[in-house]
Amino acid sequence: MSEAAKEGRYIYTVVSSGPVSDLGDVGIEESQVRLVSCGDIAAVVHSSPAEPYVTKDDERAKEWVLEHSYVIDLATEMFGTVLPFSFDVIFIGDDEVVRGWLEENYDLLKRELERVKGKAEYSVQIFCDEEKLTEKILADDPELQRLRDGIENMPKGTAYLYQKKLDLKIKEGLLEETARLAKEVGAKIDELADEVKIEKKVSWVPDKYKEKMMVAAFSCLVRHDDVEALGDFLEEIDKENESSVRFSGPWAPFSFVQLKGTRR
């Protein structure tokens, strides 16, 4: 393989072109980051070998990902709307290859930039304190209170069976209450966000929430003008004795940018 064929361009994001073309040595391992433009859109890139970033050092890998995210955040500050790429997307070739891709996919990229303009991604995670919610369920149901109180005076075998019955009733109550909360929060988020995705799997939560039960998790694409209203609503939910809310962002719209139709 020739040296020219090994040349590559690491891509961070696509933006609407601006007056700045050079972002400086802010990329992965202090790579020089710049714009490759096609009309009024541009790719934010750095020159690299046409091979993936690979290391057995976990800390170094984490640093690369953070540096990747930093460039996207910087591009957001400088250009406003961005179409972010995941870590380690590399075009094989030089600037003309990137420019050709921008030209070929111009209409789709331009539509996506317009679609997410004035919006950002936010994460909403709802948690419940299972012990406090159980206390509430018992306090609100006299039948369950009588069942719980009566178990203490039952023979051991009978008490075991009734405890199982009580546990089942409490579990049903927990499911009902958490479903109600998830539905309430989800409906309000649907009202205030342009797009919402329910996250079935969450890979990481802060330690302060790990002892709590996760009720629901959402990724939301929210207009800047609607963020305050969403935050106020979630703050009220967070004040409830049995629930906690983790509301984070703004992020570049990773979960909502649709680039699968692009051709490379």
C-alpha atoms as a PDB file:
ATOM      1  CA  MET A   1       0.000   0.000   0.000  1.00  0.00           C
ATOM      2  CA  SER A   2       1.373   3.434  -0.919  1.00  0.00           C
ATOM      3  CA  GLU A   3       1.990   6.110   1.668  1.00  0.00           C
ATOM      4  CA  ALA A   4      -0.746   8.270   0.074  1.00  0.00           C
ATOM      5  CA  ALA A   5      -3.275   5.455   0.462  1.00  0.00           C
ATOM      6  CA  LYS A   6      -2.541   5.334   4.193  1.00  0.00           C
ATOM      7  CA  GLU A   7      -3.496   8.967   4.689  1.00  0.00           C
ATOM      8  CA  GLY A   8      -6.679   9.633   6.633  1.00  0.00           C
ATOM      9  CA  ARG A   9      -8.922  12.290   8.135  1.00  0.00           C
ATOM     10  CA  TYR A  10     -10.350  11.807  11.615  1.00  0.00           C
ATOM     11  CA  ILE A  11     -13.819  13.405  11.729  1.00  0.00           C
ATOM     12  CA  TYR A  12     -15.372  14.877  14.864  1.00  0.00           C
ATOM     13  CA  THR A  13     -18.507  16.558  13.596  1.00  0.00           C
ATOM     14  CA  VAL A  14     -20.192  18.399  10.740  1.00  0.00           C
ATOM     15  CA  VAL A  15     -21.066  22.087  11.233  1.00  0.00           C
ATOM     16  CA  SER A  16     -22.354  25.085   9.350  1.00  0.00           C
ATOM     17  CA  SER A  17     -19.290  26.896   8.033  1.00  0.00           C
ATOM     18  CA  GLY A  18     -18.123  29.968   9.884  1.00  0.00           C
ATOM     19  CA  PRO A  19     -15.319  32.526   9.647  1.00  0.00           C
ATOM     20  CA  VAL A  20     -12.935  30.275  11.607  1.00  0.00           C
ATOM     21  CA  SER A  21     -11.191  27.480   9.718  1.00  0.00           C
ATOM     22  CA  ASP A  22      -8.506  26.440  12.220  1.00  0.00           C
ATOM     23  CA  LEU A  23      -9.420  25.461  15.793  1.00  0.00           C
ATOM     24  CA  GLY A  24      -5.815  24.915  16.862  1.00  0.00           C
ATOM     25  CA  ASP A  25      -4.030  21.976  18.484  1.00  0.00           C
ATOM     26  CA  VAL A  26      -7.086  20.907  20.478  1.00  0.00           C
ATOM     27  CA  GLY A  27      -7.718  17.437  19.074  1.00  0.00           C
ATOM     28  CA  ILE A  28      -6.779  13.947  20.173  1.00  0.00           C
ATOM     29  CA  GLU A  29      -3.178  13.989  21.413  1.00  0.00           C
ATOM     30  CA  GLU A  30      -3.012  17.719  20.536  1.00  0.00           C
ATOM     31  CA  SER A  31      -3.766  17.151  16.854  1.00  0.00           C
ATOM     32  CA  GLN A  32      -4.410  20.286  14.818  1.00  0.00           C
ATOM     33  CA  VAL A  33      -8.148  20.519  14.219  1.00  0.00           C
ATOM     34  CA  ARG A  34      -9.510  22.389  11.206  1.00  0.00           C
ATOM     35  CA  LEU A  35     -12.464  22.662   8.861  1.00  0.00           C
ATOM     36  CA  VAL A  36     -12.854  21.038   5.475  1.00  0.00           C
ATOM     37  CA  SER A  37     -15.622  23.015   3.807  1.00  0.00           C
ATOM     38  CA  CYS A  38     -18.126  22.395   1.051  1.00  0.00           C
ATOM     39  CA  GLY A  39     -20.229  25.487   0.456  1.00  0.00           C
ATOM     40  CA  ASP A  40     -21.881  26.484   3.731  1.00  0.00           C
ATOM     41  CA  ILE A  41     -21.190  23.233   5.633  1.00  0.00           C
ATOM     42  CA  ALA A  42     -17.917  21.774   6.859  1.00  0.00           C
ATOM     43  CA  ALA A  43     -16.391  18.741   8.524  1.00  0.00           C
ATOM     44  CA  VAL A  44     -14.266  19.266  11.637  1.00  0.00           C
ATOM     45  CA  VAL A  45     -11.230  17.009  11.205  1.00  0.00           C
ATOM     46  CA  HIS A  46      -7.605  16.362  11.923  1.00  0.00           C
ATOM     47  CA  SER A  47      -5.094  14.616   9.679  1.00  0.00           C
ATOM     48  CA  SER A  48      -4.257  11.087  10.809  1.00  0.00           C
ATOM     49  CA  PRO A  49      -3.118   7.719   9.564  1.00  0.00           C
ATOM     50  CA  ALA A  50      -6.000   5.729   8.056  1.00  0.00           C
ATOM     51  CA  GLU A  51      -6.142   3.331  10.966  1.00  0.00           C
ATOM     52  CA  PRO A  52      -8.131   3.234  14.211  1.00  0.00           C
ATOM     53  CA  TYR A  53      -6.935   4.495  17.566  1.00  0.00           C
ATOM     54  CA  VAL A  54      -6.013   1.327  19.470  1.00  0.00           C
ATOM     55  CA  THR A  55      -4.421   0.951  22.898  1.00  0.00           C
ATOM     56  CA  LYS A  56      -4.366  -1.534  25.767  1.00  0.00           C
ATOM     57  CA  ASP A  57      -4.105   1.366  28.210  1.00  0.00           C
ATOM     58  CA  ASP A  58      -7.632   2.069  29.500  1.00  0.00           C
ATOM     59  CA  GLU A  59      -6.692   5.488  30.845  1.00  0.00           C
ATOM     60  CA  ARG A  60      -5.252   6.535  27.505  1.00  0.00           C
ATOM     61  CA  ALA A  61      -8.392   5.310  25.725  1.00  0.00           C
ATOM     62  CA  LYS A  62     -10.585   7.318  28.117  1.00  0.00           C
ATOM     63  CA  GLU A  63      -8.451  10.393  27.473  1.00  0.00           C
ATOM     64  CA  TRP A  64      -8.920   9.999  23.713  1.00  0.00           C
ATOM     65  CA  VAL A  65     -12.701   9.848  24.144  1.00  0.00           C
ATOM     66  CA  LEU A  66     -12.665  12.937  26.373  1.00  0.00           C
ATOM     67  CA  GLU A  67     -10.529  14.819  23.842  1.00  0.00           C
ATOM     68  CA  HIS A  68     -12.963  13.791  21.101  1.00  0.00           C
ATOM     69  CA  SER A  69     -15.881  15.135  23.166  1.00  0.00           C
ATOM     70  CA  TYR A  70     -13.987  18.322  23.947  1.00  0.00           C
ATOM     71  CA  VAL A  71     -13.598  19.147  20.254  1.00  0.00           C
ATOM     72  CA  ILE A  72     -17.325  18.592  19.688  1.00  0.00           C
ATOM     73  CA  ASP A  73     -18.153  20.866  22.633  1.00  0.00           C
ATOM     74  CA  LEU A  74     -15.759  23.501  21.303  1.00  0.00           C
ATOM     75  CA  ALA A  75     -17.311  23.258  17.829  1.00  0.00           C
ATOM     76  CA  THR A  76     -20.760  23.690  19.410  1.00  0.00           C
ATOM     77  CA  GLU A  77     -19.603  26.896  21.120  1.00  0.00           C
ATOM     78  CA  MET A  78     -18.047  28.238  17.931  1.00  0.00           C
ATOM     79  CA  PHE A  79     -20.577  27.206  15.284  1.00  0.00           C
ATOM     80  CA  GLY A  80     -23.814  26.564  17.175  1.00  0.00           C
ATOM     81  CA  THR A  81     -25.366  23.487  15.580  1.00  0.00           C
ATOM     82  CA  VAL A  82     -23.314  20.313  15.152  1.00  0.00           C
ATOM     83  CA  LEU A  83     -23.809  16.806  13.806  1.00  0.00           C
ATOM     84  CA  PRO A  84     -21.504  14.834  16.118  1.00  0.00           C
ATOM     85  CA  PHE A  85     -19.741  11.617  15.139  1.00  0.00           C
ATOM     86  CA  SER A  86     -18.874   8.838  17.548  1.00  0.00           C
ATOM     87  CA  PHE A  87     -15.259   8.284  18.535  1.00  0.00           C
ATOM     88  CA  ASP A  88     -12.820   6.883  15.944  1.00  0.00           C
ATOM     89  CA  VAL A  89     -14.504   7.580  12.605  1.00  0.00           C
ATOM     90  CA  ILE A  90     -11.737   7.990  10.033  1.00  0.00           C
ATOM     91  CA  PHE A  91     -11.995   8.684   6.297  1.00  0.00           C
ATOM     92  CA  ILE A  92      -9.372   7.020   4.136  1.00  0.00           C
ATOM     93  CA  GLY A  93      -7.800   9.732   1.996  1.00  0.00           C
ATOM     94  CA  ASP A  94      -7.132  13.457   2.044  1.00  0.00           C
ATOM     95  CA  ASP A  95      -9.260  16.608   2.318  1.00  0.00           C
ATOM     96  CA  GLU A  96     -10.706  16.045  -1.139  1.00  0.00           C
ATOM     97  CA  VAL A  97     -12.178  12.738  -0.024  1.00  0.00           C
ATOM     98  CA  VAL A  98     -13.917  14.478   2.879  1.00  0.00           C
ATOM     99  CA  ARG A  99     -15.047  17.321   0.620  1.00  0.00           C
ATOM    100  CA  GLY A 100     -16.420  14.807  -1.880  1.00  0.00           C
ATOM    101  CA  TRP A 101     -18.386  13.086   0.896  1.00  0.00           C
ATOM    102  CA  LEU A 102     -19.800  16.435   2.030  1.00  0.00           C
ATOM    103  CA  GLU A 103     -20.808  17.276  -1.522  1.00  0.00           C
ATOM    104  CA  GLU A 104     -22.409  13.891  -2.171  1.00  0.00           C
ATOM    105  CA  ASN A 105     -24.408  14.046   1.076  1.00  0.00           C
ATOM    106  CA  TYR A 106     -24.948  17.808   1.159  1.00  0.00           C
ATOM    107  CA  ASP A 107     -28.764  17.765   1.090  1.00  0.00           C
ATOM    108  CA  LEU A 108     -29.067  15.226   3.918  1.00  0.00           C
ATOM    109  CA  LEU A 109     -26.451  16.938   6.089  1.00  0.00           C
ATOM    110  CA  LYS A 110     -28.013  20.345   5.510  1.00  0.00           C
ATOM    111  CA  ARG A 111     -31.459  19.006   6.498  1.00  0.00           C
ATOM    112  CA  GLU A 112     -30.057  17.474   9.675  1.00  0.00           C
ATOM    113  CA  LEU A 113     -28.311  20.711  10.639  1.00  0.00           C
ATOM    114  CA  GLU A 114     -31.592  22.575  10.195  1.00  0.00           C
ATOM    115  CA  ARG A 115     -33.558  19.912  12.092  1.00  0.00           C
ATOM    116  CA  VAL A 116     -31.422  20.095  15.236  1.00  0.00           C
ATOM    117  CA  LYS A 117     -30.746  23.836  15.056  1.00  0.00           C
ATOM    118  CA  GLY A 118     -31.512  25.631  18.323  1.00  0.00           C
ATOM    119  CA  LYS A 119     -31.783  22.344  20.229  1.00  0.00           C
ATOM    120  CA  ALA A 120     -29.581  20.208  22.448  1.00  0.00           C
ATOM    121  CA  GLU A 121     -29.663  16.728  23.936  1.00  0.00           C
ATOM    122  CA  TYR A 122     -30.455  16.177  27.604  1.00  0.00           C
ATOM    123  CA  SER A 123     -30.536  13.060  29.749  1.00  0.00           C
ATOM    124  CA  VAL A 124     -33.308  12.476  32.287  1.00  0.00           C
ATOM    125  CA  GLN A 125     -33.150   9.615  34.764  1.00  0.00           C
ATOM    126  CA  ILE A 126     -35.836   9.017  37.376  1.00  0.00           C
ATOM    127  CA  PHE A 127     -35.054   7.061  40.558  1.00  0.00           C
ATOM    128  CA  CYS A 128     -37.120   5.967  43.553  1.00  0.00           C
ATOM    129  CA  ASP A 129     -36.167   5.192  47.125  1.00  0.00           C
ATOM    130  CA  GLU A 130     -37.662   1.698  47.381  1.00  0.00           C
ATOM    131  CA  GLU A 131     -37.853   1.741  51.164  1.00  0.00           C
ATOM    132  CA  LYS A 132     -39.651   5.089  51.318  1.00  0.00           C
ATOM    133  CA  LEU A 133     -41.981   4.111  48.490  1.00  0.00           C
ATOM    134  CA  THR A 134     -42.816   0.866  50.295  1.00  0.00           C
ATOM    135  CA  GLU A 135     -43.640   2.857  53.441  1.00  0.00           C
ATOM    136  CA  LYS A 136     -45.937   5.084  51.373  1.00  0.00           C
ATOM    137  CA  ILE A 137     -47.694   2.095  49.816  1.00  0.00           C
ATOM    138  CA  LEU A 138     -48.290   0.591  53.268  1.00  0.00           C
ATOM    139  CA  ALA A 139     -49.429   3.932  54.720  1.00  0.00           C
ATOM    140  CA  ASP A 140     -51.963   4.411  51.919  1.00  0.00           C
ATOM    141  CA  ASP A 141     -53.490   0.909  52.147  1.00  0.00           C
ATOM    142  CA  PRO A 142     -55.213  -0.052  55.451  1.00  0.00           C
ATOM    143  CA  GLU A 143     -55.592  -3.657  54.271  1.00  0.00           C
ATOM    144  CA  LEU A 144     -51.859  -4.033  53.828  1.00  0.00           C
ATOM    145  CA  GLN A 145     -51.274  -2.423  57.218  1.00  0.00           C
ATOM    146  CA  ARG A 146     -53.570  -4.959  58.900  1.00  0.00           C
ATOM    147  CA  LEU A 147     -51.864  -7.797  57.062  1.00  0.00           C
ATOM    148  CA  ARG A 148     -48.417  -6.597  58.132  1.00  0.00           C
ATOM    149  CA  ASP A 149     -49.457  -6.059  61.748  1.00  0.00           C
ATOM    150  CA  GLY A 150     -51.192  -9.438  61.955  1.00  0.00           C
ATOM    151  CA  ILE A 151     -48.159 -11.395  60.778  1.00  0.00           C
ATOM    152  CA  GLU A 152     -46.325 -10.672  64.033  1.00  0.00           C
ATOM    153  CA  ASN A 153     -48.837 -12.743  66.037  1.00  0.00           C
ATOM    154  CA  MET A 154     -49.198 -15.659  63.600  1.00  0.00           C
ATOM    155  CA  PRO A 155     -47.610 -19.105  63.988  1.00  0.00           C
ATOM    156  CA  LYS A 156     -44.310 -19.372  62.143  1.00  0.00           C
ATOM    157  CA  GLY A 157     -45.631 -21.395  59.166  1.00  0.00           C
ATOM    158  CA  THR A 158     -48.685 -19.215  58.683  1.00  0.00           C
ATOM    159  CA  ALA A 159     -46.621 -16.054  59.104  1.00  0.00           C
ATOM    160  CA  TYR A 160     -44.284 -17.239  56.345  1.00  0.00           C
ATOM    161  CA  LEU A 161     -47.172 -17.686  53.900  1.00  0.00           C
ATOM    162  CA  TYR A 162     -48.754 -14.331  54.760  1.00  0.00           C
ATOM    163  CA  GLN A 163     -45.383 -12.595  54.510  1.00  0.00           C
ATOM    164  CA  LYS A 164     -45.071 -13.954  50.973  1.00  0.00           C
ATOM    165  CA  LYS A 165     -48.538 -12.594  50.237  1.00  0.00           C
ATOM    166  CA  LEU A 166     -47.583  -9.201  51.703  1.00  0.00           C
ATOM    167  CA  ASP A 167     -44.329  -9.111  49.721  1.00  0.00           C
ATOM    168  CA  LEU A 168     -46.249  -9.831  46.519  1.00  0.00           C
ATOM    169  CA  LYS A 169     -48.773  -7.061  47.242  1.00  0.00           C
ATOM    170  CA  ILE A 170     -45.955  -4.595  47.948  1.00  0.00           C
ATOM    171  CA  LYS A 171     -44.160  -5.610  44.750  1.00  0.00           C
ATOM    172  CA  GLU A 172     -47.365  -5.028  42.785  1.00  0.00           C
ATOM    173  CA  GLY A 173     -47.715  -1.649  44.477  1.00  0.00           C
ATOM    174  CA  LEU A 174     -44.138  -0.703  43.613  1.00  0.00           C
ATOM    175  CA  LEU A 175     -44.670  -1.626  39.975  1.00  0.00           C
ATOM    176  CA  GLU A 176     -47.902   0.363  39.854  1.00  0.00           C
ATOM    177  CA  GLU A 177     -46.389   3.462  41.488  1.00  0.00           C
ATOM    178  CA  THR A 178     -43.204   3.458  39.389  1.00  0.00           C
ATOM    179  CA  ALA A 179     -45.232   2.924  36.201  1.00  0.00           C
ATOM    180  CA  ARG A 180     -47.441   5.881  37.161  1.00  0.00           C
ATOM    181  CA  LEU A 181     -44.394   8.088  37.776  1.00  0.00           C
ATOM    182  CA  ALA A 182     -42.698   7.023  34.541  1.00  0.00           C
ATOM    183  CA  LYS A 183     -45.891   7.742  32.601  1.00  0.00           C
ATOM    184  CA  GLU A 184     -46.329  11.160  34.248  1.00  0.00           C
ATOM    185  CA  VAL A 185     -42.742  12.224  33.592  1.00  0.00           C
ATOM    186  CA  GLY A 186     -42.721  10.760  30.088  1.00  0.00           C
ATOM    187  CA  ALA A 187     -45.906  12.611  29.130  1.00  0.00           C
ATOM    188  CA  LYS A 188     -44.484  15.952  30.277  1.00  0.00           C
ATOM    189  CA  ILE A 189     -41.186  15.346  28.520  1.00  0.00           C
ATOM    190  CA  ASP A 190     -43.090  14.501  25.327  1.00  0.00           C
ATOM    191  CA  GLU A 191     -44.870  17.833  25.688  1.00  0.00           C
ATOM    192  CA  LEU A 192     -41.694  19.884  26.169  1.00  0.00           C
ATOM    193  CA  ALA A 193     -39.172  18.047  23.983  1.00  0.00           C
ATOM    194  CA  ASP A 194     -39.043  17.852  20.192  1.00  0.00           C
ATOM    195  CA  GLU A 195     -37.957  14.216  20.290  1.00  0.00           C
ATOM    196  CA  VAL A 196     -37.683  11.654  23.084  1.00  0.00           C
ATOM    197  CA  LYS A 197     -36.054   8.242  23.273  1.00  0.00           C
ATOM    198  CA  ILE A 198     -36.667   5.824  26.134  1.00  0.00           C
ATOM    199  CA  GLU A 199     -33.345   4.325  27.217  1.00  0.00           C
ATOM    200  CA  LYS A 200     -33.774   0.621  27.939  1.00  0.00           C
ATOM    201  CA  LYS A 201     -30.220   0.228  29.216  1.00  0.00           C
ATOM    202  CA  VAL A 202     -28.140   2.766  31.126  1.00  0.00           C
ATOM    203  CA  SER A 203     -24.447   1.944  31.350  1.00  0.00           C
ATOM    204  CA  TRP A 204     -23.480   4.345  34.152  1.00  0.00           C
ATOM    205  CA  VAL A 205     -25.058   6.371  36.946  1.00  0.00           C
ATOM    206  CA  PRO A 206     -23.347   8.375  39.720  1.00  0.00           C
ATOM    207  CA  ASP A 207     -22.708   6.606  43.018  1.00  0.00           C
ATOM    208  CA  LYS A 208     -25.340   8.710  44.825  1.00  0.00           C
ATOM    209  CA  TYR A 209     -28.079   7.007  42.790  1.00  0.00           C
ATOM    210  CA  LYS A 210     -26.806   3.425  42.841  1.00  0.00           C
ATOM    211  CA  GLU A 211     -28.770   2.450  45.926  1.00  0.00           C
ATOM    212  CA  LYS A 212     -32.002   3.671  44.347  1.00  0.00           C
ATOM    213  CA  MET A 213     -34.376   1.965  41.938  1.00  0.00           C
ATOM    214  CA  MET A 214     -34.281   3.352  38.399  1.00  0.00           C
ATOM    215  CA  VAL A 215     -37.813   4.040  37.240  1.00  0.00           C
ATOM    216  CA  ALA A 216     -37.149   5.391  33.741  1.00  0.00           C
ATOM    217  CA  ALA A 217     -34.455   6.958  31.596  1.00  0.00           C
ATOM    218  CA  PHE A 218     -34.930   9.278  28.644  1.00  0.00           C
ATOM    219  CA  SER A 219     -32.770  11.033  26.078  1.00  0.00           C
ATOM    220  CA  CYS A 220     -34.466  14.259  24.957  1.00  0.00           C
ATOM    221  CA  LEU A 221     -33.896  16.677  22.118  1.00  0.00           C
ATOM    222  CA  VAL A 222     -35.052  19.993  23.574  1.00  0.00           C
ATOM    223  CA  ARG A 223     -35.301  23.489  22.154  1.00  0.00           C
ATOM    224  CA  HIS A 224     -33.247  26.017  24.098  1.00  0.00           C
ATOM    225  CA  ASP A 225     -36.416  27.977  24.916  1.00  0.00           C
ATOM    226  CA  ASP A 226     -38.051  24.918  26.549  1.00  0.00           C
ATOM    227  CA  VAL A 227     -35.165  23.794  28.778  1.00  0.00           C
ATOM    228  CA  GLU A 228     -36.109  26.000  31.732  1.00  0.00           C
ATOM    229  CA  ALA A 229     -39.696  24.696  31.778  1.00  0.00           C
ATOM    230  CA  LEU A 230     -38.471  21.101  31.649  1.00  0.00           C
ATOM    231  CA  GLY A 231     -35.989  21.771  34.447  1.00  0.00           C
ATOM    232  CA  ASP A 232     -38.693  23.356  36.621  1.00  0.00           C
ATOM    233  CA  PHE A 233     -40.981  20.350  36.161  1.00  0.00           C
ATOM    234  CA  LEU A 234     -38.208  17.872  36.979  1.00  0.00           C
ATOM    235  CA  GLU A 235     -37.261  19.923  40.050  1.00  0.00           C
ATOM    236  CA  GLU A 236     -40.806  19.463  41.380  1.00  0.00           C
ATOM    237  CA  ILE A 237     -40.584  15.712  40.797  1.00  0.00           C
ATOM    238  CA  ASP A 238     -37.225  15.684  42.583  1.00  0.00           C
ATOM    239  CA  LYS A 239     -38.802  17.297  45.656  1.00  0.00           C
ATOM    240  CA  GLU A 240     -41.146  14.344  46.146  1.00  0.00           C
ATOM    241  CA  ASN A 241     -40.022  12.286  49.118  1.00  0.00           C
ATOM    242  CA  GLU A 242     -39.779   8.972  47.279  1.00  0.00           C
ATOM    243  CA  SER A 243     -38.206  10.123  44.002  1.00  0.00           C
ATOM    244  CA  SER A 244     -34.971  11.627  42.664  1.00  0.00           C
ATOM    245  CA  VAL A 245     -34.176  13.096  39.263  1.00  0.00           C
ATOM    246  CA  ARG A 246     -30.875  13.267  37.428  1.00  0.00           C
ATOM    247  CA  PHE A 247     -31.124  15.913  34.701  1.00  0.00           C
ATOM    248  CA  SER A 248     -27.929  16.431  32.702  1.00  0.00           C
ATOM    249  CA  GLY A 249     -26.894  18.326  29.608  1.00  0.00           C
ATOM    250  CA  PRO A 250     -26.781  20.123  27.307  1.00  0.00           C
ATOM    251  CA  TRP A 251     -24.988  17.701  25.017  1.00  0.00           C
ATOM    252  CA  ALA A 252     -24.450  17.557  21.287  1.00  0.00           C
ATOM    253  CA  PRO A 253     -27.395  15.604  19.804  1.00  0.00           C
ATOM    254  CA  PHE A 254     -25.643  12.220  19.502  1.00  0.00           C
ATOM    255  CA  SER A 255     -28.852  10.211  20.013  1.00  0.00           C
ATOM    256  CA  PHE A 256     -30.886  12.135  17.453  1.00  0.00           C
ATOM    257  CA  VAL A 257     -28.654  12.888  14.474  1.00  0.00           C
ATOM    258  CA  GLN A 258     -29.587  10.629  11.569  1.00  0.00           C
ATOM    259  CA  LEU A 259     -26.546   9.972   9.385  1.00  0.00           C
ATOM    260  CA  LYS A 260     -27.226   6.373   8.379  1.00  0.00           C
ATOM    261  CA  GLY A 261     -28.352   7.460   4.932  1.00  0.00           C
ATOM    262  CA  THR A 262     -25.025   9.072   4.091  1.00  0.00           C
ATOM    263  CA  ARG A 263     -22.766   7.424   1.525  1.00  0.00           C
ATOM    264  CA  ARG A 264     -19.037   7.000   1.916  1.00  0.00           C
END
